């Protein structure tokens, strides 16, 4: 099972995920990223709409990006 990393970008700042998470595929990794977003929202993160999650492989190649605010229910 591949390991995916979920880096959090806020403008020019990048907070790197040093551990990653094992997921069966990129679609599941996207669901993990959305779950992290929901947890951040539940913790009261009001800046969530400005952040982007970059999903990368073990070599650091960006496989997908998720605009956190774009997936929030209105």
PDB file of N, CA and C in Angstrom:
ATOM      1  N   UNK A   1       0.849  -1.172   0.000  1.00  0.00           N
ATOM      2  CA  UNK A   1       0.000   0.000   0.000  1.00  0.00           C
ATOM      3  C   UNK A   1       0.894   1.235   0.000  1.00  0.00           C
ATOM      4  N   UNK A   2       0.612   2.201  -0.870  1.00  0.00           N
ATOM      5  CA  UNK A   2       1.476   3.390  -0.943  1.00  0.00           C
ATOM      6  C   UNK A   2       1.264   4.342   0.233  1.00  0.00           C
ATOM      7  N   UNK A   3       2.300   5.106   0.522  1.00  0.00           N
ATOM      8  CA  UNK A   3       2.243   6.137   1.558  1.00  0.00           C
ATOM      9  C   UNK A   3       2.074   7.490   0.866  1.00  0.00           C
ATOM     10  N   UNK A   4       1.105   8.260   1.363  1.00  0.00           N
ATOM     11  CA  UNK A   4       0.850   9.602   0.858  1.00  0.00           C
ATOM     12  C   UNK A   4       1.152  10.592   1.976  1.00  0.00           C
ATOM     13  N   UNK A   5       1.592  11.777   1.581  1.00  0.00           N
ATOM     14  CA  UNK A   5       1.892  12.845   2.536  1.00  0.00           C
ATOM     15  C   UNK A   5       0.938  13.999   2.283  1.00  0.00           C
ATOM     16  N   UNK A   6       0.532  14.668   3.355  1.00  0.00           N
ATOM     17  CA  UNK A   6      -0.479  15.710   3.289  1.00  0.00           C
ATOM     18  C   UNK A   6       0.112  17.015   3.821  1.00  0.00           C
ATOM     19  N   UNK A   7       0.693  17.788   2.920  1.00  0.00           N
ATOM     20  CA  UNK A   7       1.325  19.050   3.295  1.00  0.00           C
ATOM     21  C   UNK A   7       0.270  20.151   3.277  1.00  0.00           C
ATOM     22  N   UNK A   8       0.354  21.051   4.230  1.00  0.00           N
ATOM     23  CA  UNK A   8      -0.606  22.137   4.360  1.00  0.00           C
ATOM     24  C   UNK A   8       0.040  23.438   3.913  1.00  0.00           C
ATOM     25  N   UNK A   9      -0.513  24.031   2.865  1.00  0.00           N
ATOM     26  CA  UNK A   9       0.027  25.279   2.323  1.00  0.00           C
ATOM     27  C   UNK A   9      -0.916  26.426   2.673  1.00  0.00           C
ATOM     28  N   UNK A  10      -0.301  27.511   3.173  1.00  0.00           N
ATOM     29  CA  UNK A  10      -1.024  28.755   3.479  1.00  0.00           C
ATOM     30  C   UNK A  10      -0.216  29.870   2.836  1.00  0.00           C
ATOM     31  N   UNK A  11      -0.577  30.209   1.603  1.00  0.00           N
ATOM     32  CA  UNK A  11       0.201  31.198   0.864  1.00  0.00           C
ATOM     33  C   UNK A  11       1.574  30.642   0.556  1.00  0.00           C
ATOM     34  N   UNK A  12       2.610  31.368   0.953  1.00  0.00           N
ATOM     35  CA  UNK A  12       3.984  30.932   0.696  1.00  0.00           C
ATOM     36  C   UNK A  12       4.489  29.940   1.742  1.00  0.00           C
ATOM     37  N   UNK A  13       3.752  29.775   2.830  1.00  0.00           N
ATOM     38  CA  UNK A  13       4.173  28.879   3.912  1.00  0.00           C
ATOM     39  C   UNK A  13       3.714  27.456   3.639  1.00  0.00           C
ATOM     40  N   UNK A  14       4.608  26.502   3.873  1.00  0.00           N
ATOM     41  CA  UNK A  14       4.292  25.093   3.692  1.00  0.00           C
ATOM     42  C   UNK A  14       4.623  24.343   4.968  1.00  0.00           C
ATOM     43  N   UNK A  15       3.614  23.696   5.532  1.00  0.00           N
ATOM     44  CA  UNK A  15       3.794  22.879   6.723  1.00  0.00           C
ATOM     45  C   UNK A  15       3.838  21.423   6.253  1.00  0.00           C
ATOM     46  N   UNK A  16       5.000  20.810   6.332  1.00  0.00           N
ATOM     47  CA  UNK A  16       5.207  19.468   5.780  1.00  0.00           C
ATOM     48  C   UNK A  16       4.738  18.366   6.727  1.00  0.00           C
ATOM     49  N   UNK A  17       4.091  17.386   6.145  1.00  0.00           N
ATOM     50  CA  UNK A  17       3.712  16.163   6.836  1.00  0.00           C
ATOM     51  C   UNK A  17       4.935  15.250   6.785  1.00  0.00           C
ATOM     52  N   UNK A  18       5.529  14.964   7.907  1.00  0.00           N
ATOM     53  CA  UNK A  18       6.753  14.176   7.946  1.00  0.00           C
ATOM     54  C   UNK A  18       6.498  12.672   8.040  1.00  0.00           C
ATOM     55  N   UNK A  19       5.267  12.272   8.315  1.00  0.00           N
ATOM     56  CA  UNK A  19       4.980  10.862   8.547  1.00  0.00           C
ATOM     57  C   UNK A  19       4.157  10.213   7.439  1.00  0.00           C
ATOM     58  N   UNK A  20       3.203  10.935   6.890  1.00  0.00           N
ATOM     59  CA  UNK A  20       2.352  10.380   5.849  1.00  0.00           C
ATOM     60  C   UNK A  20       1.334   9.401   6.399  1.00  0.00           C
ATOM     61  N   UNK A  21       0.604   8.814   5.461  1.00  0.00           N
ATOM     62  CA  UNK A  21      -0.468   7.896   5.816  1.00  0.00           C
ATOM     63  C   UNK A  21      -0.600   6.886   4.695  1.00  0.00           C
ATOM     64  N   UNK A  22      -0.746   5.643   5.051  1.00  0.00           N
ATOM     65  CA  UNK A  22      -0.904   4.591   4.061  1.00  0.00           C
ATOM     66  C   UNK A  22      -2.348   4.591   3.556  1.00  0.00           C
ATOM     67  N   UNK A  23      -2.507   4.665   2.248  1.00  0.00           N
ATOM     68  CA  UNK A  23      -3.832   4.649   1.618  1.00  0.00           C
ATOM     69  C   UNK A  23      -3.775   3.723   0.413  1.00  0.00           C
ATOM     70  N   UNK A  24      -4.886   3.116   0.097  1.00  0.00           N
ATOM     71  CA  UNK A  24      -4.905   2.185  -1.032  1.00  0.00           C
ATOM     72  C   UNK A  24      -4.704   2.879  -2.368  1.00  0.00           C
ATOM     73  N   UNK A  25      -5.170   4.140  -2.474  1.00  0.00           N
ATOM     74  CA  UNK A  25      -5.012   4.880  -3.729  1.00  0.00           C
ATOM     75  C   UNK A  25      -5.207   6.372  -3.476  1.00  0.00           C
ATOM     76  N   UNK A  26      -5.078   7.156  -4.537  1.00  0.00           N
ATOM     77  CA  UNK A  26      -5.178   8.614  -4.418  1.00  0.00           C
ATOM     78  C   UNK A  26      -6.580   9.056  -4.008  1.00  0.00           C
ATOM     79  N   UNK A  27      -7.592   8.347  -4.446  1.00  0.00           N
ATOM     80  CA  UNK A  27      -8.966   8.704  -4.071  1.00  0.00           C
ATOM     81  C   UNK A  27      -9.154   8.600  -2.556  1.00  0.00           C
ATOM     82  N   UNK A  28      -8.652   7.538  -1.975  1.00  0.00           N
ATOM     83  CA  UNK A  28      -8.731   7.376  -0.522  1.00  0.00           C
ATOM     84  C   UNK A  28      -7.898   8.452   0.169  1.00  0.00           C
ATOM     85  N   UNK A  29      -6.750   8.778  -0.389  1.00  0.00           N
ATOM     86  CA  UNK A  29      -5.925   9.852   0.177  1.00  0.00           C
ATOM     87  C   UNK A  29      -6.688  11.176   0.179  1.00  0.00           C
ATOM     88  N   UNK A  30      -7.450  11.437  -0.868  1.00  0.00           N
ATOM     89  CA  UNK A  30      -8.276  12.645  -0.914  1.00  0.00           C
ATOM     90  C   UNK A  30      -9.315  12.655   0.192  1.00  0.00           C
ATOM     91  N   UNK A  31      -9.891  11.493   0.482  1.00  0.00           N
ATOM     92  CA  UNK A  31     -10.863  11.402   1.573  1.00  0.00           C
ATOM     93  C   UNK A  31     -10.196  11.653   2.923  1.00  0.00           C
ATOM     94  N   UNK A  32      -8.976  11.162   3.091  1.00  0.00           N
ATOM     95  CA  UNK A  32      -8.222  11.419   4.322  1.00  0.00           C
ATOM     96  C   UNK A  32      -7.986  12.927   4.476  1.00  0.00           C
ATOM     97  N   UNK A  33      -7.619  13.588   3.380  1.00  0.00           N
ATOM     98  CA  UNK A  33      -7.391  15.040   3.421  1.00  0.00           C
ATOM     99  C   UNK A  33      -8.666  15.774   3.807  1.00  0.00           C
ATOM    100  N   UNK A  34      -9.802  15.352   3.255  1.00  0.00           N
ATOM    101  CA  UNK A  34     -11.078  15.997   3.592  1.00  0.00           C
ATOM    102  C   UNK A  34     -11.440  15.766   5.056  1.00  0.00           C
ATOM    103  N   UNK A  35     -11.119  14.588   5.579  1.00  0.00           N
ATOM    104  CA  UNK A  35     -11.378  14.307   6.989  1.00  0.00           C
ATOM    105  C   UNK A  35     -10.519  15.212   7.874  1.00  0.00           C
ATOM    106  N   UNK A  36      -9.271  15.404   7.494  1.00  0.00           N
ATOM    107  CA  UNK A  36      -8.400  16.325   8.243  1.00  0.00           C
ATOM    108  C   UNK A  36      -8.981  17.725   8.235  1.00  0.00           C
ATOM    109  N   UNK A  37      -9.514  18.149   7.093  1.00  0.00           N
ATOM    110  CA  UNK A  37     -10.144  19.455   6.979  1.00  0.00           C
ATOM    111  C   UNK A  37     -11.313  19.577   7.953  1.00  0.00           C
ATOM    112  N   UNK A  38     -12.139  18.539   8.021  1.00  0.00           N
ATOM    113  CA  UNK A  38     -13.280  18.558   8.933  1.00  0.00           C
ATOM    114  C   UNK A  38     -12.815  18.666  10.386  1.00  0.00           C
ATOM    115  N   UNK A  39     -11.735  17.976  10.728  1.00  0.00           N
ATOM    116  CA  UNK A  39     -11.196  18.054  12.085  1.00  0.00           C
ATOM    117  C   UNK A  39     -10.663  19.448  12.397  1.00  0.00           C
ATOM    118  N   UNK A  40      -9.997  20.063  11.423  1.00  0.00           N
ATOM    119  CA  UNK A  40      -9.492  21.422  11.615  1.00  0.00           C
ATOM    120  C   UNK A  40     -10.647  22.395  11.825  1.00  0.00           C
ATOM    121  N   UNK A  41     -11.712  22.214  11.071  1.00  0.00           N
ATOM    122  CA  UNK A  41     -12.887  23.066  11.212  1.00  0.00           C
ATOM    123  C   UNK A  41     -13.512  22.872  12.591  1.00  0.00           C
ATOM    124  N   UNK A  42     -13.621  21.632  13.032  1.00  0.00           N
ATOM    125  CA  UNK A  42     -14.203  21.335  14.343  1.00  0.00           C
ATOM    126  C   UNK A  42     -13.374  21.930  15.477  1.00  0.00           C
ATOM    127  N   UNK A  43     -12.082  22.071  15.243  1.00  0.00           N
ATOM    128  CA  UNK A  43     -11.197  22.656  16.254  1.00  0.00           C
ATOM    129  C   UNK A  43     -11.229  24.184  16.226  1.00  0.00           C
ATOM    130  N   UNK A  44     -12.028  24.755  15.330  1.00  0.00           N
ATOM    131  CA  UNK A  44     -12.189  26.197  15.291  1.00  0.00           C
ATOM    132  C   UNK A  44     -11.199  26.930  14.410  1.00  0.00           C
ATOM    133  N   UNK A  45     -10.611  26.256  13.449  1.00  0.00           N
ATOM    134  CA  UNK A  45      -9.647  26.888  12.537  1.00  0.00           C
ATOM    135  C   UNK A  45     -10.397  27.805  11.571  1.00  0.00           C
ATOM    136  N   UNK A  46     -10.374  29.100  11.845  1.00  0.00           N
ATOM    137  CA  UNK A  46     -11.110  30.066  11.027  1.00  0.00           C
ATOM    138  C   UNK A  46     -10.377  30.441   9.745  1.00  0.00           C
ATOM    139  N   UNK A  47      -9.131  30.071   9.622  1.00  0.00           N
ATOM    140  CA  UNK A  47      -8.337  30.390   8.433  1.00  0.00           C
ATOM    141  C   UNK A  47      -8.390  29.260   7.395  1.00  0.00           C
ATOM    142  N   UNK A  48      -9.226  28.289   7.606  1.00  0.00           N
ATOM    143  CA  UNK A  48      -9.241  27.095   6.783  1.00  0.00           C
ATOM    144  C   UNK A  48      -9.480  27.385   5.300  1.00  0.00           C
ATOM    145  N   UNK A  49     -10.254  28.390   5.001  1.00  0.00           N
ATOM    146  CA  UNK A  49     -10.565  28.714   3.610  1.00  0.00           C
ATOM    147  C   UNK A  49      -9.364  29.175   2.794  1.00  0.00           C
ATOM    148  N   UNK A  50      -8.303  29.596   3.449  1.00  0.00           N
ATOM    149  CA  UNK A  50      -7.101  30.062   2.748  1.00  0.00           C
ATOM    150  C   UNK A  50      -6.091  28.951   2.513  1.00  0.00           C
ATOM    151  N   UNK A  51      -6.324  27.804   3.081  1.00  0.00           N
ATOM    152  CA  UNK A  51      -5.322  26.736   3.054  1.00  0.00           C
ATOM    153  C   UNK A  51      -5.565  25.737   1.932  1.00  0.00           C
ATOM    154  N   UNK A  52      -4.479  25.125   1.505  1.00  0.00           N
ATOM    155  CA  UNK A  52      -4.512  24.089   0.471  1.00  0.00           C
ATOM    156  C   UNK A  52      -3.752  22.886   1.006  1.00  0.00           C
ATOM    157  N   UNK A  53      -4.293  21.694   0.793  1.00  0.00           N
ATOM    158  CA  UNK A  53      -3.571  20.467   1.114  1.00  0.00           C
ATOM    159  C   UNK A  53      -2.930  19.970  -0.176  1.00  0.00           C
ATOM    160  N   UNK A  54      -1.638  19.734  -0.124  1.00  0.00           N
ATOM    161  CA  UNK A  54      -0.920  19.131  -1.243  1.00  0.00           C
ATOM    162  C   UNK A  54      -0.674  17.671  -0.888  1.00  0.00           C
ATOM    163  N   UNK A  55      -1.226  16.777  -1.675  1.00  0.00           N
ATOM    164  CA  UNK A  55      -1.013  15.347  -1.469  1.00  0.00           C
ATOM    165  C   UNK A  55       0.162  14.941  -2.343  1.00  0.00           C
ATOM    166  N   UNK A  56       1.192  14.369  -1.708  1.00  0.00           N
ATOM    167  CA  UNK A  56       2.389  13.971  -2.451  1.00  0.00           C
ATOM    168  C   UNK A  56       2.684  12.488  -2.230  1.00  0.00           C
ATOM    169  N   UNK A  57       3.527  11.964  -3.112  1.00  0.00           N
ATOM    170  CA  UNK A  57       4.009  10.599  -2.930  1.00  0.00           C
ATOM    171  C   UNK A  57       5.314  10.643  -2.128  1.00  0.00           C
ATOM    172  N   UNK A  58       5.940   9.487  -1.931  1.00  0.00           N
ATOM    173  CA  UNK A  58       7.166   9.431  -1.113  1.00  0.00           C
ATOM    174  C   UNK A  58       8.328  10.182  -1.741  1.00  0.00           C
ATOM    175  N   UNK A  59       8.274  10.411  -3.052  1.00  0.00           N
ATOM    176  CA  UNK A  59       9.329  11.156  -3.731  1.00  0.00           C
ATOM    177  C   UNK A  59       9.086  12.661  -3.715  1.00  0.00           C
ATOM    178  N   UNK A  60       7.961  13.089  -3.139  1.00  0.00           N
ATOM    179  CA  UNK A  60       7.652  14.510  -3.061  1.00  0.00           C
ATOM    180  C   UNK A  60       6.887  15.060  -4.249  1.00  0.00           C
ATOM    181  N   UNK A  61       6.495  14.206  -5.186  1.00  0.00           N
ATOM    182  CA  UNK A  61       5.734  14.663  -6.341  1.00  0.00           C
ATOM    183  C   UNK A  61       4.301  14.978  -5.909  1.00  0.00           C
ATOM    184  N   UNK A  62       3.836  16.191  -6.242  1.00  0.00           N
ATOM    185  CA  UNK A  62       2.472  16.581  -5.906  1.00  0.00           C
ATOM    186  C   UNK A  62       1.518  15.828  -6.830  1.00  0.00           C
ATOM    187  N   UNK A  63       0.635  15.044  -6.230  1.00  0.00           N
ATOM    188  CA  UNK A  63      -0.326  14.230  -6.976  1.00  0.00           C
ATOM    189  C   UNK A  63      -1.686  14.896  -7.069  1.00  0.00           C
ATOM    190  N   UNK A  64      -2.010  15.711  -6.057  1.00  0.00           N
ATOM    191  CA  UNK A  64      -3.297  16.406  -6.037  1.00  0.00           C
ATOM    192  C   UNK A  64      -3.217  17.556  -5.056  1.00  0.00           C
ATOM    193  N   UNK A  65      -4.063  18.540  -5.276  1.00  0.00           N
ATOM    194  CA  UNK A  65      -4.216  19.634  -4.321  1.00  0.00           C
ATOM    195  C   UNK A  65      -5.693  19.773  -4.006  1.00  0.00           C
ATOM    196  N   UNK A  66      -5.974  20.096  -2.771  1.00  0.00           N
ATOM    197  CA  UNK A  66      -7.354  20.287  -2.343  1.00  0.00           C
ATOM    198  C   UNK A  66      -7.450  21.632  -1.660  1.00  0.00           C
ATOM    199  N   UNK A  67      -8.296  22.491  -2.200  1.00  0.00           N
ATOM    200  CA  UNK A  67      -8.584  23.787  -1.576  1.00  0.00           C
ATOM    201  C   UNK A  67      -9.567  23.498  -0.451  1.00  0.00           C
ATOM    202  N   UNK A  68      -9.114  23.634   0.759  1.00  0.00           N
ATOM    203  CA  UNK A  68      -9.935  23.222   1.899  1.00  0.00           C
ATOM    204  C   UNK A  68     -11.283  23.914   1.955  1.00  0.00           C
ATOM    205  N   UNK A  69     -11.310  25.202   1.768  1.00  0.00           N
ATOM    206  CA  UNK A  69     -12.564  25.937   1.842  1.00  0.00           C
ATOM    207  C   UNK A  69     -13.555  25.555   0.774  1.00  0.00           C
ATOM    208  N   UNK A  70     -13.082  25.047  -0.364  1.00  0.00           N
ATOM    209  CA  UNK A  70     -13.981  24.732  -1.473  1.00  0.00           C
ATOM    210  C   UNK A  70     -14.816  23.495  -1.219  1.00  0.00           C
ATOM    211  N   UNK A  71     -14.462  22.685  -0.221  1.00  0.00           N
ATOM    212  CA  UNK A  71     -15.208  21.465   0.037  1.00  0.00           C
ATOM    213  C   UNK A  71     -16.089  21.571   1.275  1.00  0.00           C
ATOM    214  N   UNK A  72     -16.141  22.751   1.859  1.00  0.00           N
ATOM    215  CA  UNK A  72     -16.950  22.921   3.057  1.00  0.00           C
ATOM    216  C   UNK A  72     -18.421  23.094   2.697  1.00  0.00           C
ATOM    217  N   UNK A  73     -19.323  22.516   3.498  1.00  0.00           N
ATOM    218  CA  UNK A  73     -20.745  22.764   3.250  1.00  0.00           C
ATOM    219  C   UNK A  73     -21.084  24.212   3.550  1.00  0.00           C
ATOM    220  N   UNK A  74     -21.986  24.758   2.817  1.00  0.00           N
ATOM    221  CA  UNK A  74     -22.393  26.164   3.009  1.00  0.00           C
ATOM    222  C   UNK A  74     -23.547  26.261   3.977  1.00  0.00           C
TER     223      UNK A  74
END
